[in-house]
């Protein structure tokens, strides 16, 4: 967050400097308010770009063997443009590379699900996923000992988590 604040100020200084240079080249013909307006516009433009490109930049940095299975978008009244172009504020990612199953329950996978949210540290949540039933359950000692004892939540075969994790295994 601190680095984005610094980058915002650098964008403002760059835009104001460009206007001051342009003013010098044109012999002082630009209005006095041009530099502060350019600095403010650069700050707003950089902030909007940063908010909208966050999800793509985060996806690009994910390690191989992970897959985004859901994007969470939101709109806010103080950002009226988000009603036209909603902003992604979180990503749900499953670590397919480390998914593992038990010999006695081959369709039940133990996976790590990560929630990446803007301005927050990533959260890791281990889950059991039953590919055959299209369900997931939180990991507990009882669920690890016997998957039938887990508190299953049926998602359905078309749920993004099931489709992302189980489709390649079928």
N, C-alpha and C. Protein backbone atom coordinates (compact mmCIF):
# COMPACT_ATOMS: atom_id res chain seq x y z
N UNK A 1 0.82 -1.18 0.00
CA UNK A 1 0.00 0.00 0.00
C UNK A 1 0.87 1.25 0.00
N UNK A 2 1.95 1.22 0.78
CA UNK A 2 2.83 2.37 0.85
C UNK A 2 3.49 2.62 -0.51
N UNK A 3 3.88 1.55 -1.19
CA UNK A 3 4.51 1.70 -2.50
C UNK A 3 3.55 2.27 -3.53
N UNK A 4 2.28 1.91 -3.43
CA UNK A 4 1.28 2.49 -4.35
C UNK A 4 1.08 3.97 -4.07
N UNK A 5 1.15 4.38 -2.81
CA UNK A 5 1.06 5.79 -2.47
C UNK A 5 2.23 6.56 -3.08
N UNK A 6 3.43 6.00 -2.96
CA UNK A 6 4.61 6.63 -3.54
C UNK A 6 4.47 6.71 -5.06
N UNK A 7 3.99 5.61 -5.69
CA UNK A 7 3.82 5.60 -7.14
C UNK A 7 2.79 6.63 -7.58
N UNK A 8 1.75 6.84 -6.78
CA UNK A 8 0.74 7.85 -7.10
C UNK A 8 1.36 9.24 -7.09
N UNK A 9 2.18 9.53 -6.08
CA UNK A 9 2.85 10.83 -6.02
C UNK A 9 3.84 11.01 -7.17
N UNK A 10 4.53 9.95 -7.54
CA UNK A 10 5.47 10.03 -8.66
C UNK A 10 4.72 10.31 -9.96
N UNK A 11 3.56 9.68 -10.15
CA UNK A 11 2.75 9.94 -11.34
C UNK A 11 2.30 11.40 -11.37
N UNK A 12 1.91 11.93 -10.21
CA UNK A 12 1.49 13.33 -10.13
C UNK A 12 2.66 14.27 -10.45
N UNK A 13 3.82 14.00 -9.88
CA UNK A 13 5.00 14.84 -10.17
C UNK A 13 5.39 14.76 -11.63
N UNK A 14 5.32 13.58 -12.20
CA UNK A 14 5.66 13.41 -13.61
C UNK A 14 4.71 14.18 -14.52
N UNK A 15 3.41 14.10 -14.23
CA UNK A 15 2.43 14.82 -15.05
C UNK A 15 2.60 16.33 -14.90
N UNK A 16 2.81 16.80 -13.67
CA UNK A 16 3.01 18.23 -13.46
C UNK A 16 4.31 18.69 -14.13
N UNK A 17 5.35 17.89 -14.03
CA UNK A 17 6.61 18.23 -14.69
C UNK A 17 6.48 18.29 -16.19
N UNK A 18 5.72 17.38 -16.75
CA UNK A 18 5.49 17.39 -18.19
C UNK A 18 4.76 18.66 -18.62
N UNK A 19 3.77 19.07 -17.86
CA UNK A 19 3.03 20.30 -18.18
C UNK A 19 3.94 21.52 -18.03
N UNK A 20 4.78 21.54 -16.99
CA UNK A 20 5.71 22.67 -16.82
C UNK A 20 6.70 22.72 -17.98
N UNK A 21 7.18 21.58 -18.43
CA UNK A 21 8.08 21.53 -19.58
C UNK A 21 7.37 21.99 -20.84
N UNK A 22 6.14 21.53 -21.03
CA UNK A 22 5.35 21.96 -22.19
C UNK A 22 5.08 23.46 -22.14
N UNK A 23 4.85 23.99 -20.95
CA UNK A 23 4.62 25.42 -20.79
C UNK A 23 5.87 26.21 -21.17
N UNK A 24 7.03 25.71 -20.79
CA UNK A 24 8.28 26.38 -21.14
C UNK A 24 8.51 26.36 -22.65
N UNK A 25 8.23 25.21 -23.28
CA UNK A 25 8.43 25.07 -24.72
C UNK A 25 7.48 25.99 -25.50
N UNK A 26 6.27 26.17 -25.00
CA UNK A 26 5.29 27.02 -25.70
C UNK A 26 5.40 28.49 -25.32
N UNK A 27 6.39 28.83 -24.54
CA UNK A 27 6.60 30.24 -24.18
C UNK A 27 5.64 30.74 -23.12
N UNK A 28 5.19 29.90 -22.23
CA UNK A 28 4.33 30.31 -21.12
C UNK A 28 2.89 30.54 -21.52
N UNK A 29 2.41 29.86 -22.53
CA UNK A 29 1.03 30.08 -23.01
C UNK A 29 -0.02 29.24 -22.29
N UNK A 30 0.41 28.26 -21.50
CA UNK A 30 -0.56 27.42 -20.79
C UNK A 30 -1.05 28.15 -19.53
N UNK A 31 -2.29 27.91 -19.14
CA UNK A 31 -2.80 28.55 -17.92
C UNK A 31 -2.08 28.03 -16.68
N UNK A 32 -2.11 28.82 -15.63
CA UNK A 32 -1.39 28.47 -14.40
C UNK A 32 -1.98 27.23 -13.72
N UNK A 33 -3.23 26.96 -13.95
CA UNK A 33 -3.88 25.83 -13.30
C UNK A 33 -3.61 24.50 -14.02
N UNK A 34 -2.93 24.51 -15.15
CA UNK A 34 -2.73 23.29 -15.94
C UNK A 34 -1.89 22.24 -15.18
N UNK A 35 -0.83 22.67 -14.51
CA UNK A 35 0.04 21.71 -13.81
C UNK A 35 -0.69 21.02 -12.64
N UNK A 36 -1.37 21.75 -11.76
CA UNK A 36 -2.08 21.05 -10.68
C UNK A 36 -3.22 20.16 -11.18
N UNK A 37 -3.89 20.59 -12.23
CA UNK A 37 -4.96 19.75 -12.79
C UNK A 37 -4.38 18.48 -13.39
N UNK A 38 -3.26 18.59 -14.08
CA UNK A 38 -2.60 17.41 -14.65
C UNK A 38 -2.13 16.47 -13.54
N UNK A 39 -1.59 17.03 -12.47
CA UNK A 39 -1.14 16.20 -11.34
C UNK A 39 -2.32 15.46 -10.72
N UNK A 40 -3.41 16.15 -10.49
CA UNK A 40 -4.60 15.52 -9.92
C UNK A 40 -5.18 14.46 -10.83
N UNK A 41 -5.23 14.74 -12.12
CA UNK A 41 -5.75 13.76 -13.08
C UNK A 41 -4.85 12.53 -13.13
N UNK A 42 -3.54 12.74 -13.05
CA UNK A 42 -2.61 11.60 -13.05
C UNK A 42 -2.80 10.75 -11.80
N UNK A 43 -3.02 11.38 -10.65
CA UNK A 43 -3.24 10.63 -9.42
C UNK A 43 -4.53 9.80 -9.50
N UNK A 44 -5.59 10.41 -9.98
CA UNK A 44 -6.87 9.69 -10.10
C UNK A 44 -6.74 8.57 -11.13
N UNK A 45 -6.11 8.88 -12.26
CA UNK A 45 -5.93 7.86 -13.30
C UNK A 45 -5.10 6.69 -12.82
N UNK A 46 -4.01 6.97 -12.10
CA UNK A 46 -3.17 5.88 -11.59
C UNK A 46 -3.93 5.05 -10.55
N UNK A 47 -4.69 5.71 -9.69
CA UNK A 47 -5.45 4.98 -8.67
C UNK A 47 -6.49 4.06 -9.31
N UNK A 48 -7.18 4.55 -10.33
CA UNK A 48 -8.17 3.72 -11.02
C UNK A 48 -7.49 2.56 -11.73
N UNK A 49 -6.38 2.84 -12.43
CA UNK A 49 -5.65 1.77 -13.11
C UNK A 49 -5.19 0.71 -12.11
N UNK A 50 -4.68 1.16 -10.98
CA UNK A 50 -4.17 0.23 -9.97
C UNK A 50 -5.29 -0.65 -9.42
N UNK A 51 -6.45 -0.09 -9.17
CA UNK A 51 -7.57 -0.87 -8.65
C UNK A 51 -8.07 -1.89 -9.67
N UNK A 52 -8.16 -1.49 -10.94
CA UNK A 52 -8.69 -2.39 -11.95
C UNK A 52 -7.68 -3.42 -12.43
N UNK A 53 -6.40 -3.14 -12.33
CA UNK A 53 -5.40 -4.10 -12.81
C UNK A 53 -4.90 -5.02 -11.71
N UNK A 54 -5.35 -4.80 -10.47
CA UNK A 54 -4.89 -5.61 -9.35
C UNK A 54 -5.11 -7.10 -9.58
N UNK A 55 -6.29 -7.48 -10.01
CA UNK A 55 -6.61 -8.91 -10.17
C UNK A 55 -5.73 -9.55 -11.24
N UNK A 56 -5.54 -8.88 -12.35
CA UNK A 56 -4.69 -9.44 -13.42
C UNK A 56 -3.24 -9.54 -12.97
N UNK A 57 -2.76 -8.55 -12.24
CA UNK A 57 -1.38 -8.60 -11.74
C UNK A 57 -1.22 -9.72 -10.72
N UNK A 58 -2.23 -9.94 -9.88
CA UNK A 58 -2.18 -11.02 -8.89
C UNK A 58 -2.21 -12.37 -9.59
N UNK A 59 -3.08 -12.53 -10.59
CA UNK A 59 -3.13 -13.78 -11.36
C UNK A 59 -1.78 -14.10 -11.99
N UNK A 60 -1.13 -13.08 -12.54
CA UNK A 60 0.15 -13.28 -13.22
C UNK A 60 1.25 -13.74 -12.25
N UNK A 61 1.11 -13.41 -10.98
CA UNK A 61 2.14 -13.76 -10.00
C UNK A 61 1.86 -15.09 -9.29
N UNK A 62 0.73 -15.72 -9.57
CA UNK A 62 0.42 -17.00 -8.92
C UNK A 62 1.37 -18.07 -9.42
N UNK A 63 1.79 -18.97 -8.54
CA UNK A 63 2.70 -20.03 -8.97
C UNK A 63 1.99 -21.05 -9.87
N UNK A 64 2.78 -21.78 -10.62
CA UNK A 64 2.23 -22.83 -11.47
C UNK A 64 1.60 -23.90 -10.58
N UNK A 65 0.49 -24.44 -11.02
CA UNK A 65 -0.20 -25.45 -10.23
C UNK A 65 -1.33 -24.86 -9.40
N UNK A 66 -1.59 -23.57 -9.57
CA UNK A 66 -2.73 -22.94 -8.90
C UNK A 66 -3.70 -22.47 -9.96
N UNK A 67 -4.96 -22.38 -9.60
CA UNK A 67 -5.99 -21.95 -10.55
C UNK A 67 -7.01 -21.07 -9.84
N UNK A 68 -7.35 -19.96 -10.46
CA UNK A 68 -8.41 -19.09 -9.93
C UNK A 68 -9.74 -19.73 -10.31
N UNK A 69 -10.56 -20.01 -9.32
CA UNK A 69 -11.86 -20.61 -9.63
C UNK A 69 -13.02 -19.65 -9.41
N UNK A 70 -12.74 -18.50 -8.80
CA UNK A 70 -13.81 -17.52 -8.62
C UNK A 70 -13.22 -16.14 -8.42
N UNK A 71 -13.84 -15.15 -9.05
CA UNK A 71 -13.50 -13.74 -8.85
C UNK A 71 -14.68 -13.06 -8.17
N UNK A 72 -14.40 -12.24 -7.19
CA UNK A 72 -15.44 -11.51 -6.48
C UNK A 72 -15.41 -10.07 -6.93
N UNK A 73 -16.51 -9.61 -7.49
CA UNK A 73 -16.59 -8.23 -7.99
C UNK A 73 -17.53 -7.43 -7.11
N UNK A 74 -17.29 -6.13 -7.10
CA UNK A 74 -18.17 -5.25 -6.32
C UNK A 74 -18.31 -3.90 -7.00
N UNK A 75 -19.38 -3.22 -6.65
CA UNK A 75 -19.63 -1.85 -7.08
C UNK A 75 -19.81 -1.01 -5.82
N UNK A 76 -19.47 0.26 -5.92
CA UNK A 76 -19.59 1.15 -4.76
C UNK A 76 -20.13 2.50 -5.20
N UNK A 77 -20.97 3.10 -4.38
CA UNK A 77 -21.59 4.36 -4.77
C UNK A 77 -20.57 5.49 -4.88
N UNK A 78 -19.46 5.44 -4.13
CA UNK A 78 -18.45 6.49 -4.22
C UNK A 78 -17.54 6.30 -5.45
N UNK A 79 -17.73 5.17 -6.15
CA UNK A 79 -17.05 4.92 -7.43
C UNK A 79 -18.15 4.60 -8.44
N UNK A 80 -18.85 5.59 -8.94
CA UNK A 80 -20.03 5.31 -9.78
C UNK A 80 -19.72 4.52 -11.05
N UNK A 81 -18.50 4.60 -11.56
CA UNK A 81 -18.14 3.85 -12.76
C UNK A 81 -18.13 2.34 -12.51
N UNK A 82 -18.06 1.92 -11.24
CA UNK A 82 -18.05 0.49 -10.95
C UNK A 82 -19.42 -0.16 -11.18
N UNK A 83 -20.47 0.65 -11.34
CA UNK A 83 -21.77 0.08 -11.68
C UNK A 83 -21.79 -0.34 -13.15
N UNK A 84 -20.95 0.28 -13.96
CA UNK A 84 -20.82 -0.10 -15.37
C UNK A 84 -19.76 -1.17 -15.53
N UNK A 85 -18.59 -0.96 -14.90
CA UNK A 85 -17.48 -1.90 -14.94
C UNK A 85 -17.14 -2.29 -13.50
N UNK A 86 -17.75 -3.37 -12.99
CA UNK A 86 -17.47 -3.77 -11.61
C UNK A 86 -15.99 -4.07 -11.40
N UNK A 87 -15.56 -3.85 -10.19
CA UNK A 87 -14.15 -3.99 -9.83
C UNK A 87 -13.95 -5.29 -9.07
N UNK A 88 -12.93 -6.06 -9.47
CA UNK A 88 -12.61 -7.29 -8.77
C UNK A 88 -11.87 -6.95 -7.49
N UNK A 89 -12.40 -7.40 -6.36
CA UNK A 89 -11.76 -7.08 -5.08
C UNK A 89 -11.18 -8.31 -4.39
N UNK A 90 -11.47 -9.53 -4.91
CA UNK A 90 -10.90 -10.74 -4.31
C UNK A 90 -10.89 -11.87 -5.33
N UNK A 91 -9.96 -12.79 -5.11
CA UNK A 91 -9.83 -13.97 -5.96
C UNK A 91 -9.78 -15.21 -5.07
N UNK A 92 -10.51 -16.25 -5.45
CA UNK A 92 -10.42 -17.53 -4.76
C UNK A 92 -9.58 -18.45 -5.64
N UNK A 93 -8.53 -19.01 -5.05
CA UNK A 93 -7.55 -19.79 -5.78
C UNK A 93 -7.42 -21.16 -5.13
N UNK A 94 -7.36 -22.20 -5.96
CA UNK A 94 -7.15 -23.55 -5.44
C UNK A 94 -5.76 -24.02 -5.89
N UNK A 95 -5.07 -24.66 -4.97
CA UNK A 95 -3.73 -25.20 -5.25
C UNK A 95 -3.89 -26.62 -5.77
N UNK A 96 -3.94 -26.77 -7.08
CA UNK A 96 -4.15 -28.09 -7.68
C UNK A 96 -2.90 -28.95 -7.63
N UNK A 97 -1.74 -28.32 -7.53
CA UNK A 97 -0.48 -29.07 -7.54
C UNK A 97 -0.30 -29.92 -6.29
N UNK A 98 -0.84 -29.47 -5.17
CA UNK A 98 -0.65 -30.21 -3.92
C UNK A 98 -1.89 -30.98 -3.50
N UNK A 99 -2.91 -31.07 -4.37
CA UNK A 99 -4.12 -31.83 -4.04
C UNK A 99 -3.76 -33.30 -3.87
N UNK A 100 -4.27 -33.90 -2.81
CA UNK A 100 -3.96 -35.30 -2.55
C UNK A 100 -5.23 -36.03 -2.08
N UNK A 101 -5.23 -37.34 -2.32
CA UNK A 101 -6.39 -38.15 -1.93
C UNK A 101 -5.91 -39.36 -1.13
N UNK A 102 -6.88 -40.05 -0.56
CA UNK A 102 -6.58 -41.26 0.20
C UNK A 102 -6.92 -42.48 -0.66
N UNK A 103 -6.23 -43.59 -0.44
CA UNK A 103 -6.54 -44.80 -1.23
C UNK A 103 -7.97 -45.30 -1.02
N UNK A 104 -8.52 -45.15 0.19
CA UNK A 104 -9.86 -45.64 0.45
C UNK A 104 -10.95 -44.66 0.04
N UNK A 105 -10.58 -43.43 -0.35
CA UNK A 105 -11.56 -42.42 -0.82
C UNK A 105 -10.91 -41.61 -1.94
N UNK A 106 -10.78 -42.25 -3.10
CA UNK A 106 -10.05 -41.63 -4.22
C UNK A 106 -10.72 -40.37 -4.75
N UNK A 107 -12.03 -40.26 -4.63
CA UNK A 107 -12.73 -39.07 -5.13
C UNK A 107 -12.67 -37.89 -4.18
N UNK A 108 -12.22 -38.11 -2.95
CA UNK A 108 -12.13 -37.04 -1.96
C UNK A 108 -10.70 -36.50 -1.95
N UNK A 109 -10.59 -35.21 -2.25
CA UNK A 109 -9.28 -34.57 -2.31
C UNK A 109 -9.10 -33.61 -1.15
N UNK A 110 -7.89 -33.56 -0.63
CA UNK A 110 -7.51 -32.56 0.37
C UNK A 110 -6.77 -31.47 -0.38
N UNK A 111 -7.31 -30.25 -0.36
CA UNK A 111 -6.72 -29.15 -1.11
C UNK A 111 -6.61 -27.91 -0.23
N UNK A 112 -5.75 -27.01 -0.65
CA UNK A 112 -5.65 -25.70 -0.01
C UNK A 112 -6.33 -24.68 -0.90
N UNK A 113 -7.22 -23.90 -0.31
CA UNK A 113 -7.89 -22.82 -1.02
C UNK A 113 -7.37 -21.52 -0.42
N UNK A 114 -7.00 -20.59 -1.29
CA UNK A 114 -6.47 -19.30 -0.86
C UNK A 114 -7.43 -18.21 -1.29
N UNK A 115 -7.63 -17.24 -0.42
CA UNK A 115 -8.41 -16.06 -0.75
C UNK A 115 -7.46 -14.88 -0.81
N UNK A 116 -7.32 -14.32 -2.00
CA UNK A 116 -6.51 -13.12 -2.19
C UNK A 116 -7.46 -11.96 -2.29
N UNK A 117 -7.35 -11.01 -1.38
CA UNK A 117 -8.21 -9.83 -1.39
C UNK A 117 -7.35 -8.58 -1.42
N UNK A 118 -7.87 -7.56 -2.03
CA UNK A 118 -7.16 -6.29 -2.14
C UNK A 118 -6.89 -5.74 -0.74
N UNK A 119 -5.68 -5.33 -0.48
CA UNK A 119 -5.24 -4.72 0.77
C UNK A 119 -5.25 -5.67 1.97
N UNK A 120 -5.29 -6.97 1.73
CA UNK A 120 -5.25 -7.94 2.83
C UNK A 120 -4.25 -9.04 2.52
N UNK A 121 -3.73 -9.65 3.56
CA UNK A 121 -2.83 -10.79 3.39
C UNK A 121 -3.65 -12.00 2.90
N UNK A 122 -3.05 -12.86 2.08
CA UNK A 122 -3.78 -14.04 1.62
C UNK A 122 -4.17 -14.95 2.79
N UNK A 123 -5.36 -15.55 2.68
CA UNK A 123 -5.86 -16.47 3.70
C UNK A 123 -5.88 -17.88 3.12
N UNK A 124 -5.32 -18.84 3.85
CA UNK A 124 -5.28 -20.24 3.42
C UNK A 124 -6.33 -21.03 4.20
N UNK A 125 -7.13 -21.82 3.49
CA UNK A 125 -8.15 -22.64 4.10
C UNK A 125 -8.08 -24.05 3.52
N UNK A 126 -7.66 -25.03 4.32
CA UNK A 126 -7.68 -26.41 3.81
C UNK A 126 -9.13 -26.92 3.72
N UNK A 127 -9.42 -27.61 2.64
CA UNK A 127 -10.77 -28.12 2.40
C UNK A 127 -10.71 -29.54 1.87
N UNK A 128 -11.74 -30.31 2.15
CA UNK A 128 -11.95 -31.60 1.51
C UNK A 128 -12.94 -31.38 0.37
N UNK A 129 -12.63 -31.91 -0.79
CA UNK A 129 -13.51 -31.77 -1.95
C UNK A 129 -13.84 -33.16 -2.46
N UNK A 130 -15.13 -33.46 -2.54
CA UNK A 130 -15.61 -34.74 -3.06
C UNK A 130 -16.02 -34.53 -4.51
N UNK A 131 -15.18 -34.99 -5.41
CA UNK A 131 -15.43 -34.78 -6.84
C UNK A 131 -16.67 -35.54 -7.32
N UNK A 132 -16.90 -36.74 -6.80
CA UNK A 132 -18.04 -37.54 -7.24
C UNK A 132 -19.36 -36.92 -6.78
N UNK A 133 -19.40 -36.41 -5.56
CA UNK A 133 -20.64 -35.83 -5.02
C UNK A 133 -20.78 -34.35 -5.33
N UNK A 134 -19.70 -33.71 -5.78
CA UNK A 134 -19.76 -32.26 -6.03
C UNK A 134 -19.95 -31.49 -4.74
N UNK A 135 -19.14 -31.79 -3.72
CA UNK A 135 -19.30 -31.16 -2.41
C UNK A 135 -17.94 -30.81 -1.83
N UNK A 136 -17.98 -29.93 -0.83
CA UNK A 136 -16.76 -29.57 -0.11
C UNK A 136 -17.07 -29.55 1.38
N UNK A 137 -15.99 -29.68 2.19
CA UNK A 137 -16.15 -29.67 3.64
C UNK A 137 -14.89 -29.08 4.26
N UNK A 138 -15.05 -28.37 5.37
CA UNK A 138 -13.85 -27.89 6.07
C UNK A 138 -13.08 -29.05 6.68
N UNK A 139 -11.79 -28.90 6.78
CA UNK A 139 -10.94 -29.96 7.33
C UNK A 139 -11.03 -29.94 8.85
N UNK A 140 -11.24 -31.11 9.41
CA UNK A 140 -11.20 -31.30 10.86
C UNK A 140 -10.53 -32.64 11.12
N UNK A 141 -10.19 -32.90 12.37
CA UNK A 141 -9.58 -34.19 12.70
C UNK A 141 -10.51 -35.35 12.35
N UNK A 142 -11.80 -35.18 12.66
CA UNK A 142 -12.77 -36.24 12.37
C UNK A 142 -12.90 -36.46 10.86
N UNK A 143 -12.90 -35.37 10.10
CA UNK A 143 -13.03 -35.49 8.65
C UNK A 143 -11.81 -36.13 8.02
N UNK A 144 -10.63 -35.86 8.57
CA UNK A 144 -9.42 -36.49 8.06
C UNK A 144 -9.39 -37.98 8.37
N UNK A 145 -9.89 -38.35 9.53
CA UNK A 145 -9.92 -39.76 9.91
C UNK A 145 -10.95 -40.53 9.09
N UNK A 146 -12.12 -39.91 8.88
CA UNK A 146 -13.18 -40.56 8.11
C UNK A 146 -13.91 -39.48 7.30
N UNK A 147 -13.71 -39.43 5.98
CA UNK A 147 -14.35 -38.39 5.18
C UNK A 147 -15.88 -38.38 5.28
N UNK A 148 -16.49 -39.50 5.64
CA UNK A 148 -17.95 -39.54 5.78
C UNK A 148 -18.41 -38.71 6.99
N UNK A 149 -17.51 -38.47 7.95
CA UNK A 149 -17.87 -37.71 9.14
C UNK A 149 -17.77 -36.20 8.91
N UNK A 150 -17.32 -35.79 7.74
CA UNK A 150 -17.16 -34.36 7.46
C UNK A 150 -18.52 -33.68 7.30
N UNK A 151 -18.53 -32.39 7.52
CA UNK A 151 -19.75 -31.59 7.34
C UNK A 151 -19.78 -31.10 5.89
N UNK A 152 -20.33 -31.93 5.01
CA UNK A 152 -20.31 -31.66 3.57
C UNK A 152 -21.31 -30.60 3.18
N UNK A 153 -20.89 -29.76 2.29
CA UNK A 153 -21.76 -28.74 1.69
C UNK A 153 -21.82 -29.05 0.20
N UNK A 154 -23.00 -29.41 -0.28
CA UNK A 154 -23.15 -29.77 -1.69
C UNK A 154 -23.07 -28.51 -2.55
N UNK A 155 -22.17 -28.55 -3.53
CA UNK A 155 -21.99 -27.43 -4.44
C UNK A 155 -22.58 -27.72 -5.82
N UNK A 156 -22.55 -28.97 -6.21
CA UNK A 156 -23.03 -29.36 -7.53
C UNK A 156 -21.86 -29.53 -8.48
N UNK A 157 -22.05 -30.32 -9.53
CA UNK A 157 -20.95 -30.62 -10.44
C UNK A 157 -20.52 -29.41 -11.28
N UNK A 158 -21.38 -28.41 -11.41
CA UNK A 158 -21.04 -27.23 -12.21
C UNK A 158 -20.44 -26.11 -11.38
N UNK A 159 -20.27 -26.31 -10.09
CA UNK A 159 -19.69 -25.27 -9.23
C UNK A 159 -18.25 -24.99 -9.70
N UNK A 160 -17.84 -23.73 -9.65
CA UNK A 160 -16.50 -23.39 -10.14
C UNK A 160 -15.37 -24.18 -9.48
N UNK A 161 -15.44 -24.42 -8.17
CA UNK A 161 -14.40 -25.18 -7.49
C UNK A 161 -14.35 -26.61 -8.01
N UNK A 162 -15.49 -27.25 -8.12
CA UNK A 162 -15.56 -28.64 -8.60
C UNK A 162 -15.08 -28.72 -10.05
N UNK A 163 -15.54 -27.80 -10.88
CA UNK A 163 -15.15 -27.82 -12.30
C UNK A 163 -13.66 -27.59 -12.46
N UNK A 164 -13.08 -26.70 -11.67
CA UNK A 164 -11.66 -26.41 -11.79
C UNK A 164 -10.81 -27.54 -11.26
N UNK A 165 -11.17 -28.10 -10.15
CA UNK A 165 -10.35 -29.10 -9.49
C UNK A 165 -10.56 -30.51 -10.03
N UNK A 166 -11.79 -30.86 -10.32
CA UNK A 166 -12.11 -32.26 -10.63
C UNK A 166 -12.15 -32.58 -12.11
N UNK A 167 -12.40 -31.63 -12.98
CA UNK A 167 -12.53 -31.92 -14.40
C UNK A 167 -11.28 -32.57 -14.99
N UNK A 168 -10.08 -32.09 -14.70
CA UNK A 168 -8.90 -32.74 -15.28
C UNK A 168 -8.66 -34.15 -14.75
N UNK A 169 -9.23 -34.47 -13.59
CA UNK A 169 -8.98 -35.77 -12.97
C UNK A 169 -9.94 -36.84 -13.48
N UNK A 170 -10.99 -36.45 -14.17
CA UNK A 170 -11.99 -37.43 -14.62
C UNK A 170 -11.52 -38.15 -15.85
